[in-house]
Each structure stands twice: as C-alpha cells, then as structure tokens.
N, C-alpha and C. Protein backbone atom coordinates (compact mmCIF):
# COMPACT_ATOMS: atom_id res chain seq x y z
N MET A 1 0.84 -1.17 0.00
CA MET A 1 0.00 0.00 0.00
C MET A 1 0.89 1.24 0.00
N LYS A 2 0.56 2.20 -0.86
CA LYS A 2 1.35 3.42 -0.95
C LYS A 2 0.90 4.43 0.09
N ASN A 3 1.85 5.19 0.60
CA ASN A 3 1.52 6.26 1.53
C ASN A 3 1.06 7.48 0.74
N LYS A 4 -0.09 8.01 1.13
CA LYS A 4 -0.61 9.20 0.48
C LYS A 4 -0.42 10.38 1.42
N THR A 5 0.06 11.45 0.91
CA THR A 5 0.25 12.66 1.71
C THR A 5 -0.96 13.55 1.51
N VAL A 6 -1.54 13.97 2.63
CA VAL A 6 -2.70 14.85 2.58
C VAL A 6 -2.24 16.24 2.96
N GLN A 7 -2.56 17.19 2.11
CA GLN A 7 -2.17 18.57 2.38
C GLN A 7 -3.29 19.23 3.19
N LEU A 8 -3.05 19.46 4.49
CA LEU A 8 -4.05 20.05 5.35
C LEU A 8 -4.01 21.58 5.34
N VAL A 9 -2.85 22.14 5.15
CA VAL A 9 -2.70 23.58 5.16
C VAL A 9 -2.65 24.08 3.72
N LYS A 10 -3.52 25.02 3.42
CA LYS A 10 -3.53 25.58 2.07
C LYS A 10 -2.41 26.60 1.93
N THR A 11 -1.97 26.74 0.73
CA THR A 11 -0.95 27.74 0.47
C THR A 11 -1.61 29.12 0.48
N PRO A 12 -0.85 30.19 0.69
CA PRO A 12 -1.45 31.53 0.71
C PRO A 12 -2.20 31.88 -0.57
N GLU A 13 -1.80 31.33 -1.68
CA GLU A 13 -2.49 31.62 -2.94
C GLU A 13 -3.88 31.00 -2.97
N ASP A 14 -4.07 29.90 -2.23
CA ASP A 14 -5.35 29.20 -2.23
C ASP A 14 -6.37 29.82 -1.29
N ARG A 15 -5.90 30.58 -0.32
CA ARG A 15 -6.81 31.16 0.68
C ARG A 15 -7.53 32.37 0.10
N PRO A 16 -8.80 32.55 0.49
CA PRO A 16 -9.51 33.75 0.03
C PRO A 16 -9.00 34.99 0.74
N ASN A 17 -9.19 36.13 0.14
CA ASN A 17 -8.75 37.39 0.72
C ASN A 17 -9.65 37.71 1.92
N PRO A 18 -9.10 37.86 3.13
CA PRO A 18 -9.93 38.09 4.31
C PRO A 18 -10.46 39.51 4.41
N GLU A 19 -9.93 40.43 3.65
CA GLU A 19 -10.40 41.80 3.72
C GLU A 19 -11.72 41.95 2.98
N VAL A 20 -12.59 42.77 3.55
CA VAL A 20 -13.89 43.00 2.94
C VAL A 20 -13.92 44.39 2.33
N ALA A 21 -14.80 44.56 1.38
CA ALA A 21 -14.95 45.87 0.76
C ALA A 21 -15.53 46.85 1.78
N GLU A 22 -15.14 48.11 1.68
CA GLU A 22 -15.63 49.08 2.64
C GLU A 22 -17.13 49.30 2.49
N GLN A 23 -17.62 49.30 1.28
CA GLN A 23 -19.04 49.50 1.07
C GLN A 23 -19.50 48.58 -0.05
N THR A 24 -20.63 47.93 0.18
CA THR A 24 -21.14 47.02 -0.83
C THR A 24 -21.83 47.81 -1.94
N LYS A 25 -21.93 47.19 -3.08
CA LYS A 25 -22.59 47.82 -4.22
C LYS A 25 -24.10 47.68 -4.03
N ARG A 26 -24.80 48.79 -4.10
CA ARG A 26 -26.25 48.76 -3.94
C ARG A 26 -26.91 48.44 -5.27
N ARG A 27 -28.05 47.76 -5.17
CA ARG A 27 -28.80 47.44 -6.39
C ARG A 27 -29.64 48.65 -6.79
N ASN A 28 -29.74 48.88 -8.08
CA ASN A 28 -30.55 49.97 -8.61
C ASN A 28 -31.72 49.38 -9.37
N PHE A 29 -32.92 49.84 -9.04
CA PHE A 29 -34.12 49.37 -9.73
C PHE A 29 -34.64 50.49 -10.61
N SER A 30 -35.08 50.12 -11.79
CA SER A 30 -35.58 51.12 -12.73
C SER A 30 -36.93 51.67 -12.26
N ALA A 31 -37.28 52.82 -12.77
CA ALA A 31 -38.57 53.44 -12.44
C ALA A 31 -39.72 52.55 -12.92
N ALA A 32 -39.54 51.89 -14.06
CA ALA A 32 -40.58 51.01 -14.60
C ALA A 32 -40.82 49.82 -13.66
N TYR A 33 -39.75 49.27 -13.11
CA TYR A 33 -39.90 48.14 -12.19
C TYR A 33 -40.62 48.59 -10.92
N LYS A 34 -40.23 49.73 -10.39
CA LYS A 34 -40.88 50.24 -9.18
C LYS A 34 -42.36 50.52 -9.44
N ARG A 35 -42.65 51.09 -10.60
CA ARG A 35 -44.04 51.37 -10.96
C ARG A 35 -44.85 50.08 -11.05
N SER A 36 -44.25 49.02 -11.60
CA SER A 36 -44.98 47.75 -11.73
C SER A 36 -45.28 47.15 -10.35
N ILE A 37 -44.36 47.32 -9.39
CA ILE A 37 -44.60 46.83 -8.04
C ILE A 37 -45.77 47.59 -7.42
N LEU A 38 -45.81 48.91 -7.60
CA LEU A 38 -46.90 49.71 -7.05
C LEU A 38 -48.23 49.35 -7.70
N GLU A 39 -48.22 49.08 -9.00
CA GLU A 39 -49.46 48.67 -9.67
C GLU A 39 -49.96 47.34 -9.14
N MET A 40 -49.04 46.39 -8.90
CA MET A 40 -49.46 45.11 -8.33
C MET A 40 -49.99 45.29 -6.91
N ALA A 41 -49.39 46.19 -6.14
CA ALA A 41 -49.85 46.44 -4.79
C ALA A 41 -51.25 47.05 -4.80
N ASP A 42 -51.53 47.92 -5.77
CA ASP A 42 -52.86 48.52 -5.87
C ASP A 42 -53.92 47.48 -6.18
N LEU A 43 -53.55 46.40 -6.87
CA LEU A 43 -54.52 45.36 -7.22
C LEU A 43 -54.83 44.41 -6.06
N CYS A 44 -54.03 44.46 -5.01
CA CYS A 44 -54.24 43.57 -3.87
C CYS A 44 -55.47 44.02 -3.09
N ALA A 45 -56.39 43.07 -2.84
CA ALA A 45 -57.64 43.39 -2.16
C ALA A 45 -57.76 42.67 -0.82
N GLU A 46 -57.14 41.53 -0.68
CA GLU A 46 -57.26 40.72 0.53
C GLU A 46 -56.13 41.05 1.50
N PRO A 47 -56.40 40.94 2.80
CA PRO A 47 -55.32 41.15 3.78
C PRO A 47 -54.21 40.12 3.58
N GLY A 48 -52.97 40.58 3.59
CA GLY A 48 -51.82 39.69 3.46
C GLY A 48 -51.31 39.50 2.04
N GLU A 49 -52.05 39.97 1.04
CA GLU A 49 -51.61 39.79 -0.34
C GLU A 49 -50.35 40.59 -0.64
N ILE A 50 -50.24 41.76 -0.07
CA ILE A 50 -49.06 42.60 -0.33
C ILE A 50 -47.81 41.92 0.18
N GLY A 51 -47.93 41.15 1.24
CA GLY A 51 -46.77 40.43 1.78
C GLY A 51 -46.20 39.41 0.82
N PHE A 52 -47.00 38.96 -0.12
CA PHE A 52 -46.53 37.96 -1.10
C PHE A 52 -45.91 38.59 -2.34
N LEU A 53 -45.98 39.92 -2.47
CA LEU A 53 -45.44 40.58 -3.67
C LEU A 53 -43.96 40.30 -3.89
N PRO A 54 -43.09 40.35 -2.87
CA PRO A 54 -41.68 40.07 -3.14
C PRO A 54 -41.42 38.64 -3.64
N CYS A 55 -42.36 37.74 -3.39
CA CYS A 55 -42.18 36.35 -3.82
C CYS A 55 -42.50 36.16 -5.30
N ARG A 56 -43.12 37.11 -5.91
CA ARG A 56 -43.54 36.97 -7.31
C ARG A 56 -42.42 37.23 -8.26
C-alpha cells in the first residue's frame, strides 16, 4: 500500500482574501420596475396579499 500525503494547510495563494470591501454595491431598480410593483400592490384586495409581492 502506498503512503498518500494529505495537504491540510492551504498555500497563501489558495486562501480567500480576508479583507472585505468598505461599502457594498447597492442594487438599482428602474422606475418602470418600481411602478410595476406599485401597480401590483394597488390590485391587492385581501389582507396579506401585499406580503406575497416580493415572492412573485
């Protein structure tokens, strides 16, 4: 049986960069998308329907 060497410690090149960005990139939504959300909200008639809008 051959001896297999297992590398437990990763080399510095394999490790992810531990530093984080100072500020994350924010998502931008178009005016048309925002308008469509408001139109769907206006169509909601039953209690709790608006809560399901983000799921659509």
